[in-house]
């Protein structure tokens, strides 16, 4: 079981390092496409809002947004209700990547979601308990490294 867990973790780390195009010619990192997902799923977010949502600094968000802006995927506009605030928006190209990412999840996750939906309550509870233990384990590892 330990070997299977290690294999899953290694595959996840490997997948996170592989950039994908998501309907555009731009290669997008795991963090970039998930930032696009957050912007696409939520209206009227500022840099500060995104930082709070992700639990990272405004500076880190700004750096990530600069990469997206350079690739033509996002832009900032002044909030008409608060002129000292900028709202982060997706460009048409950013929206294409957003919807391609959604589609990718639907097609890639489809079989897995169907499997999860077919579990009975006891099987589901066992998996949830296991995942909670894994999450606690990983949180402790992160705290140990900080």
N, C-alpha and C. Protein backbone atom coordinates (compact mmCIF):
# COMPACT_ATOMS: atom_id res chain seq x y z
N UNK A 1 0.83 -1.19 0.00
CA UNK A 1 0.00 0.00 0.00
C UNK A 1 0.88 1.25 0.00
N UNK A 2 1.94 1.23 0.79
CA UNK A 2 2.83 2.39 0.85
C UNK A 2 3.42 2.68 -0.53
N UNK A 3 3.80 1.63 -1.25
CA UNK A 3 4.36 1.80 -2.59
C UNK A 3 3.36 2.43 -3.55
N UNK A 4 2.11 2.03 -3.45
CA UNK A 4 1.06 2.59 -4.31
C UNK A 4 0.86 4.08 -3.99
N UNK A 5 0.86 4.41 -2.72
CA UNK A 5 0.71 5.81 -2.31
C UNK A 5 1.87 6.64 -2.84
N UNK A 6 3.09 6.14 -2.71
CA UNK A 6 4.27 6.84 -3.22
C UNK A 6 4.18 7.04 -4.73
N UNK A 7 3.70 6.02 -5.42
CA UNK A 7 3.55 6.10 -6.87
C UNK A 7 2.55 7.18 -7.26
N UNK A 8 1.43 7.24 -6.56
CA UNK A 8 0.41 8.26 -6.82
C UNK A 8 0.98 9.65 -6.59
N UNK A 9 1.70 9.83 -5.49
CA UNK A 9 2.29 11.14 -5.19
C UNK A 9 3.30 11.54 -6.27
N UNK A 10 4.12 10.60 -6.71
CA UNK A 10 5.11 10.90 -7.75
C UNK A 10 4.44 11.27 -9.07
N UNK A 11 3.38 10.55 -9.42
CA UNK A 11 2.65 10.87 -10.65
C UNK A 11 2.02 12.25 -10.57
N UNK A 12 1.46 12.60 -9.43
CA UNK A 12 0.86 13.92 -9.26
C UNK A 12 1.91 15.01 -9.43
N UNK A 13 3.06 14.83 -8.81
CA UNK A 13 4.13 15.82 -8.93
C UNK A 13 4.60 15.94 -10.38
N UNK A 14 4.70 14.82 -11.07
CA UNK A 14 5.12 14.82 -12.47
C UNK A 14 4.10 15.54 -13.35
N UNK A 15 2.82 15.26 -13.13
CA UNK A 15 1.76 15.90 -13.91
C UNK A 15 1.73 17.41 -13.70
N UNK A 16 1.98 17.85 -12.47
CA UNK A 16 1.94 19.28 -12.18
C UNK A 16 3.05 20.04 -12.91
N UNK A 17 4.11 19.35 -13.29
CA UNK A 17 5.23 20.00 -13.95
C UNK A 17 5.07 20.06 -15.47
N UNK A 18 4.07 19.38 -16.02
CA UNK A 18 3.91 19.34 -17.47
C UNK A 18 2.94 20.44 -17.91
N UNK A 19 3.43 21.46 -18.62
CA UNK A 19 2.52 22.50 -19.09
C UNK A 19 1.63 21.97 -20.22
N UNK A 20 0.44 22.57 -20.34
CA UNK A 20 -0.52 22.16 -21.37
C UNK A 20 -1.03 23.41 -22.07
N UNK A 21 -1.65 23.23 -23.24
CA UNK A 21 -2.10 24.39 -24.02
C UNK A 21 -3.54 24.80 -23.76
N UNK A 22 -4.43 23.95 -23.42
CA UNK A 22 -5.82 24.28 -23.10
C UNK A 22 -6.47 25.20 -24.13
N UNK A 23 -6.46 24.76 -25.38
CA UNK A 23 -7.19 25.46 -26.44
C UNK A 23 -6.52 26.70 -27.01
N UNK A 24 -5.34 27.03 -26.54
CA UNK A 24 -4.59 28.17 -27.07
C UNK A 24 -3.21 27.68 -27.47
N UNK A 25 -2.43 28.54 -28.10
CA UNK A 25 -1.06 28.16 -28.44
C UNK A 25 -0.10 28.33 -27.27
N UNK A 26 -0.60 28.92 -26.19
CA UNK A 26 0.22 29.19 -25.01
C UNK A 26 0.33 27.97 -24.11
N UNK A 27 1.56 27.62 -23.74
CA UNK A 27 1.74 26.57 -22.74
C UNK A 27 1.45 27.17 -21.36
N UNK A 28 0.61 26.49 -20.61
CA UNK A 28 0.21 26.98 -19.29
C UNK A 28 0.62 25.99 -18.21
N UNK A 29 1.24 26.52 -17.18
CA UNK A 29 1.62 25.68 -16.04
C UNK A 29 0.38 25.34 -15.22
N UNK A 30 0.54 24.40 -14.33
CA UNK A 30 -0.54 24.00 -13.43
C UNK A 30 -1.06 25.21 -12.65
N UNK A 31 -0.15 26.01 -12.11
CA UNK A 31 -0.58 27.16 -11.31
C UNK A 31 -1.26 28.22 -12.19
N UNK A 32 -0.79 28.39 -13.42
CA UNK A 32 -1.39 29.38 -14.31
C UNK A 32 -2.83 29.01 -14.68
N UNK A 33 -3.07 27.75 -15.05
CA UNK A 33 -4.42 27.37 -15.45
C UNK A 33 -5.36 27.40 -14.26
N UNK A 34 -4.86 27.11 -13.08
CA UNK A 34 -5.74 27.18 -11.91
C UNK A 34 -6.01 28.63 -11.48
N UNK A 35 -5.10 29.53 -11.76
CA UNK A 35 -5.38 30.95 -11.54
C UNK A 35 -6.45 31.41 -12.54
N UNK A 36 -6.33 30.96 -13.78
CA UNK A 36 -7.36 31.26 -14.79
C UNK A 36 -8.70 30.70 -14.35
N UNK A 37 -8.70 29.51 -13.78
CA UNK A 37 -9.94 28.90 -13.30
C UNK A 37 -10.58 29.76 -12.19
N UNK A 38 -9.78 30.24 -11.27
CA UNK A 38 -10.29 31.07 -10.17
C UNK A 38 -10.89 32.37 -10.73
N UNK A 39 -10.19 32.99 -11.66
CA UNK A 39 -10.69 34.24 -12.26
C UNK A 39 -11.99 33.96 -13.03
N UNK A 40 -12.02 32.87 -13.79
CA UNK A 40 -13.19 32.53 -14.58
C UNK A 40 -14.40 32.13 -13.76
N UNK A 41 -14.16 31.52 -12.62
CA UNK A 41 -15.26 31.06 -11.75
C UNK A 41 -15.82 32.15 -10.85
N UNK A 42 -15.09 33.26 -10.70
CA UNK A 42 -15.48 34.31 -9.76
C UNK A 42 -15.42 35.67 -10.43
N UNK A 43 -16.49 36.42 -10.33
CA UNK A 43 -16.53 37.75 -10.92
C UNK A 43 -15.98 38.79 -9.95
N UNK A 44 -15.42 39.84 -10.53
CA UNK A 44 -15.01 41.03 -9.78
C UNK A 44 -13.95 40.78 -8.71
N UNK A 45 -13.00 39.90 -8.99
CA UNK A 45 -11.92 39.67 -8.03
C UNK A 45 -10.79 40.67 -8.25
N UNK A 46 -10.28 41.18 -7.16
CA UNK A 46 -9.08 42.03 -7.21
C UNK A 46 -7.87 41.15 -6.91
N UNK A 47 -6.69 41.73 -7.05
CA UNK A 47 -5.46 41.02 -6.70
C UNK A 47 -5.52 40.59 -5.24
N UNK A 48 -5.97 41.48 -4.38
CA UNK A 48 -6.10 41.18 -2.95
C UNK A 48 -7.05 40.01 -2.71
N UNK A 49 -8.20 40.02 -3.41
CA UNK A 49 -9.18 38.93 -3.28
C UNK A 49 -8.56 37.59 -3.67
N UNK A 50 -7.83 37.59 -4.77
CA UNK A 50 -7.21 36.36 -5.25
C UNK A 50 -6.18 35.88 -4.24
N UNK A 51 -5.39 36.80 -3.70
CA UNK A 51 -4.40 36.44 -2.69
C UNK A 51 -5.04 35.80 -1.47
N UNK A 52 -6.14 36.39 -1.01
CA UNK A 52 -6.87 35.80 0.13
C UNK A 52 -7.40 34.42 -0.22
N UNK A 53 -7.97 34.30 -1.40
CA UNK A 53 -8.55 33.04 -1.86
C UNK A 53 -7.50 31.92 -1.88
N UNK A 54 -6.30 32.26 -2.37
CA UNK A 54 -5.23 31.27 -2.49
C UNK A 54 -4.34 31.17 -1.25
N UNK A 55 -4.47 32.14 -0.36
CA UNK A 55 -3.61 32.15 0.82
C UNK A 55 -2.17 32.52 0.50
N UNK A 56 -2.00 33.42 -0.49
CA UNK A 56 -0.66 33.88 -0.86
C UNK A 56 -0.65 35.40 -0.88
N UNK A 57 0.53 35.98 -1.00
CA UNK A 57 0.66 37.43 -0.95
C UNK A 57 0.17 38.08 -2.24
N UNK A 58 -0.15 39.38 -2.13
CA UNK A 58 -0.54 40.14 -3.32
C UNK A 58 0.61 40.17 -4.33
N UNK A 59 1.84 40.22 -3.82
CA UNK A 59 3.00 40.23 -4.71
C UNK A 59 3.10 38.96 -5.53
N UNK A 60 2.83 37.82 -4.89
CA UNK A 60 2.87 36.54 -5.62
C UNK A 60 1.77 36.49 -6.67
N UNK A 61 0.59 36.99 -6.31
CA UNK A 61 -0.52 37.03 -7.27
C UNK A 61 -0.15 37.94 -8.44
N UNK A 62 0.40 39.10 -8.14
CA UNK A 62 0.77 40.07 -9.19
C UNK A 62 1.78 39.46 -10.15
N UNK A 63 2.74 38.73 -9.63
CA UNK A 63 3.74 38.10 -10.51
C UNK A 63 3.09 37.08 -11.42
N UNK A 64 2.18 36.28 -10.88
CA UNK A 64 1.48 35.28 -11.69
C UNK A 64 0.61 35.96 -12.74
N UNK A 65 -0.06 37.04 -12.34
CA UNK A 65 -0.91 37.76 -13.29
C UNK A 65 -0.09 38.40 -14.41
N UNK A 66 1.11 38.86 -14.09
CA UNK A 66 1.98 39.43 -15.13
C UNK A 66 2.28 38.39 -16.20
N UNK A 67 2.51 37.13 -15.78
CA UNK A 67 2.76 36.07 -16.76
C UNK A 67 1.52 35.83 -17.63
N UNK A 68 0.35 35.84 -17.00
CA UNK A 68 -0.89 35.65 -17.77
C UNK A 68 -1.13 36.82 -18.72
N UNK A 69 -0.88 38.04 -18.24
CA UNK A 69 -1.07 39.22 -19.09
C UNK A 69 -0.11 39.19 -20.27
N UNK A 70 1.14 38.77 -20.03
CA UNK A 70 2.14 38.69 -21.09
C UNK A 70 1.72 37.68 -22.16
N UNK A 71 1.01 36.64 -21.75
CA UNK A 71 0.53 35.62 -22.69
C UNK A 71 -0.82 36.01 -23.30
N UNK A 72 -1.34 37.17 -22.91
CA UNK A 72 -2.60 37.65 -23.47
C UNK A 72 -3.83 36.94 -22.93
N UNK A 73 -3.76 36.48 -21.68
CA UNK A 73 -4.85 35.69 -21.11
C UNK A 73 -5.68 36.46 -20.08
N UNK A 74 -5.13 37.51 -19.51
CA UNK A 74 -5.87 38.28 -18.50
C UNK A 74 -5.49 39.75 -18.61
N UNK A 75 -6.30 40.56 -17.96
CA UNK A 75 -6.01 41.99 -17.87
C UNK A 75 -6.70 42.52 -16.62
N UNK A 76 -6.32 43.73 -16.24
CA UNK A 76 -6.96 44.39 -15.09
C UNK A 76 -7.72 45.60 -15.60
N UNK A 77 -8.87 45.84 -14.98
CA UNK A 77 -9.62 47.05 -15.30
C UNK A 77 -10.03 47.70 -13.99
N UNK A 78 -10.20 49.00 -14.03
CA UNK A 78 -10.61 49.74 -12.84
C UNK A 78 -12.05 49.38 -12.47
N UNK A 79 -12.25 49.14 -11.20
CA UNK A 79 -13.58 48.84 -10.68
C UNK A 79 -14.40 50.13 -10.74
N UNK A 80 -15.50 50.13 -11.51
CA UNK A 80 -16.28 51.37 -11.62
C UNK A 80 -16.92 51.81 -10.30
N UNK A 81 -17.06 50.90 -9.36
CA UNK A 81 -17.66 51.24 -8.07
C UNK A 81 -16.62 51.68 -7.04
N UNK A 82 -15.33 51.40 -7.32
CA UNK A 82 -14.25 51.79 -6.42
C UNK A 82 -13.02 52.05 -7.28
N UNK A 83 -12.79 53.29 -7.62
CA UNK A 83 -11.76 53.65 -8.60
C UNK A 83 -10.33 53.34 -8.14
N UNK A 84 -10.14 53.04 -6.85
CA UNK A 84 -8.80 52.70 -6.37
C UNK A 84 -8.57 51.19 -6.42
N UNK A 85 -9.53 50.46 -6.95
CA UNK A 85 -9.46 48.99 -6.99
C UNK A 85 -9.47 48.52 -8.44
N UNK A 86 -8.63 47.53 -8.75
CA UNK A 86 -8.63 46.92 -10.08
C UNK A 86 -9.24 45.53 -10.01
N UNK A 87 -10.00 45.20 -11.03
CA UNK A 87 -10.62 43.88 -11.14
C UNK A 87 -9.86 43.09 -12.19
N UNK A 88 -9.61 41.83 -11.90
CA UNK A 88 -8.90 40.96 -12.83
C UNK A 88 -9.92 40.26 -13.72
N UNK A 89 -9.67 40.31 -15.02
CA UNK A 89 -10.58 39.74 -16.01
C UNK A 89 -9.80 38.82 -16.95
N UNK A 90 -10.53 37.91 -17.59
CA UNK A 90 -9.94 37.07 -18.63
C UNK A 90 -10.18 37.72 -19.99
N UNK A 91 -9.20 37.62 -20.86
CA UNK A 91 -9.38 38.03 -22.24
C UNK A 91 -10.16 36.91 -22.95
N UNK A 92 -10.46 37.11 -24.23
CA UNK A 92 -11.13 36.05 -25.00
C UNK A 92 -10.25 34.80 -25.02
N UNK A 93 -8.96 34.99 -25.17
CA UNK A 93 -8.01 33.87 -25.16
C UNK A 93 -7.99 33.19 -23.79
N UNK A 94 -8.05 33.99 -22.73
CA UNK A 94 -8.11 33.45 -21.37
C UNK A 94 -9.39 32.65 -21.16
N UNK A 95 -10.51 33.14 -21.70
CA UNK A 95 -11.78 32.42 -21.60
C UNK A 95 -11.72 31.10 -22.36
N UNK A 96 -11.03 31.10 -23.49
CA UNK A 96 -10.86 29.85 -24.24
C UNK A 96 -10.11 28.83 -23.40
N UNK A 97 -9.03 29.27 -22.75
CA UNK A 97 -8.27 28.37 -21.89
C UNK A 97 -9.12 27.90 -20.71
N UNK A 98 -9.89 28.81 -20.13
CA UNK A 98 -10.77 28.48 -19.01
C UNK A 98 -11.74 27.36 -19.40
N UNK A 99 -12.45 27.54 -20.52
CA UNK A 99 -13.44 26.54 -20.94
C UNK A 99 -12.79 25.25 -21.40
N UNK A 100 -11.61 25.32 -22.03
CA UNK A 100 -10.90 24.11 -22.42
C UNK A 100 -10.46 23.33 -21.18
N UNK A 101 -10.06 24.04 -20.14
CA UNK A 101 -9.68 23.39 -18.89
C UNK A 101 -10.89 22.70 -18.25
N UNK A 102 -12.03 23.38 -18.25
CA UNK A 102 -13.27 22.78 -17.73
C UNK A 102 -13.59 21.50 -18.50
N UNK A 103 -13.50 21.59 -19.83
CA UNK A 103 -13.78 20.42 -20.68
C UNK A 103 -12.79 19.30 -20.39
N UNK A 104 -11.52 19.65 -20.23
CA UNK A 104 -10.49 18.65 -19.92
C UNK A 104 -10.86 17.90 -18.64
N UNK A 105 -11.29 18.64 -17.61
CA UNK A 105 -11.68 18.00 -16.36
C UNK A 105 -12.89 17.08 -16.56
N UNK A 106 -13.86 17.52 -17.33
CA UNK A 106 -15.04 16.70 -17.57
C UNK A 106 -14.69 15.40 -18.28
N UNK A 107 -13.80 15.47 -19.25
CA UNK A 107 -13.45 14.26 -20.00
C UNK A 107 -12.45 13.39 -19.24
N UNK A 108 -11.49 14.02 -18.56
CA UNK A 108 -10.47 13.24 -17.84
C UNK A 108 -11.01 12.68 -16.53
N UNK A 109 -11.87 13.43 -15.86
CA UNK A 109 -12.38 13.00 -14.56
C UNK A 109 -13.65 12.15 -14.67
N UNK A 110 -14.25 12.10 -15.85
CA UNK A 110 -15.55 11.45 -16.01
C UNK A 110 -15.64 10.06 -15.43
N UNK A 111 -14.74 9.18 -15.79
CA UNK A 111 -14.78 7.81 -15.29
C UNK A 111 -14.56 7.74 -13.79
N UNK A 112 -13.69 8.60 -13.30
CA UNK A 112 -13.40 8.59 -11.86
C UNK A 112 -14.61 9.08 -11.07
N UNK A 113 -15.25 10.14 -11.55
CA UNK A 113 -16.43 10.66 -10.86
C UNK A 113 -17.56 9.63 -10.87
N UNK A 114 -17.71 8.94 -11.98
CA UNK A 114 -18.75 7.90 -12.07
C UNK A 114 -18.47 6.80 -11.05
N UNK A 115 -17.22 6.40 -10.94
CA UNK A 115 -16.82 5.38 -9.96
C UNK A 115 -17.16 5.84 -8.55
N UNK A 116 -16.82 7.10 -8.23
CA UNK A 116 -17.09 7.62 -6.89
C UNK A 116 -18.59 7.68 -6.59
N UNK A 117 -19.37 8.05 -7.60
CA UNK A 117 -20.82 8.14 -7.41
C UNK A 117 -21.45 6.77 -7.16
N UNK A 118 -20.82 5.71 -7.64
CA UNK A 118 -21.38 4.36 -7.50
C UNK A 118 -20.99 3.68 -6.19
N UNK A 119 -20.13 4.34 -5.39
CA UNK A 119 -19.75 3.76 -4.11
C UNK A 119 -20.93 3.80 -3.14
N UNK A 120 -21.02 2.78 -2.29
CA UNK A 120 -22.04 2.85 -1.25
C UNK A 120 -21.51 3.72 -0.11
N UNK A 121 -22.36 4.04 0.85
CA UNK A 121 -22.00 4.97 1.93
C UNK A 121 -20.79 4.48 2.73
N UNK A 122 -20.73 3.19 3.02
CA UNK A 122 -19.61 2.66 3.80
C UNK A 122 -18.30 2.79 3.03
N UNK A 123 -18.31 2.45 1.75
CA UNK A 123 -17.10 2.57 0.92
C UNK A 123 -16.66 4.03 0.83
N UNK A 124 -17.62 4.90 0.65
CA UNK A 124 -17.32 6.33 0.57
C UNK A 124 -16.70 6.84 1.88
N UNK A 125 -17.27 6.42 3.01
CA UNK A 125 -16.75 6.83 4.31
C UNK A 125 -15.31 6.37 4.52
N UNK A 126 -15.00 5.15 4.09
CA UNK A 126 -13.63 4.62 4.23
C UNK A 126 -12.66 5.47 3.41
N UNK A 127 -13.05 5.79 2.18
CA UNK A 127 -12.16 6.59 1.33
C UNK A 127 -11.99 7.99 1.90
N UNK A 128 -13.07 8.60 2.36
CA UNK A 128 -12.99 9.94 2.95
C UNK A 128 -12.08 9.92 4.17
N UNK A 129 -12.23 8.93 5.02
CA UNK A 129 -11.37 8.81 6.20
C UNK A 129 -9.91 8.67 5.79
N UNK A 130 -9.64 7.83 4.80
CA UNK A 130 -8.28 7.66 4.31
C UNK A 130 -7.72 8.98 3.78
N UNK A 131 -8.50 9.68 2.98
CA UNK A 131 -8.04 10.95 2.40
C UNK A 131 -7.80 12.00 3.48
N UNK A 132 -8.61 12.01 4.51
CA UNK A 132 -8.39 12.94 5.62
C UNK A 132 -7.07 12.63 6.31
N UNK A 133 -6.76 11.36 6.47
CA UNK A 133 -5.48 10.98 7.08
C UNK A 133 -4.30 11.39 6.20
N UNK A 134 -4.44 11.20 4.89
CA UNK A 134 -3.39 11.60 3.95
C UNK A 134 -3.21 13.12 4.02
N UNK A 135 -4.32 13.85 4.04
CA UNK A 135 -4.25 15.30 4.12
C UNK A 135 -3.54 15.75 5.40
N UNK A 136 -3.88 15.15 6.53
CA UNK A 136 -3.21 15.47 7.80
C UNK A 136 -1.72 15.17 7.73
N UNK A 137 -1.37 14.04 7.14
CA UNK A 137 0.03 13.65 6.98
C UNK A 137 0.78 14.69 6.16
N UNK A 138 0.19 15.10 5.04
CA UNK A 138 0.85 16.07 4.16
C UNK A 138 0.96 17.44 4.83
N UNK A 139 -0.06 17.84 5.57
CA UNK A 139 0.00 19.12 6.30
C UNK A 139 1.13 19.11 7.31
N UNK A 140 1.29 17.99 8.01
CA UNK A 140 2.39 17.88 8.99
C UNK A 140 3.74 17.97 8.29
N UNK A 141 3.86 17.36 7.13
CA UNK A 141 5.12 17.43 6.37
C UNK A 141 5.42 18.86 5.95
N UNK A 142 4.40 19.57 5.50
CA UNK A 142 4.59 20.97 5.09
C UNK A 142 5.01 21.80 6.29
N UNK A 143 4.35 21.64 7.43
CA UNK A 143 4.68 22.40 8.63
C UNK A 143 6.08 22.08 9.11
N UNK A 144 6.51 20.84 8.98
CA UNK A 144 7.84 20.44 9.39
C UNK A 144 8.91 21.15 8.56
N UNK A 145 8.61 21.40 7.28
CA UNK A 145 9.58 22.03 6.38
C UNK A 145 9.60 23.54 6.49
N UNK A 146 8.58 24.14 7.10
CA UNK A 146 8.53 25.61 7.19
C UNK A 146 9.44 26.13 8.26
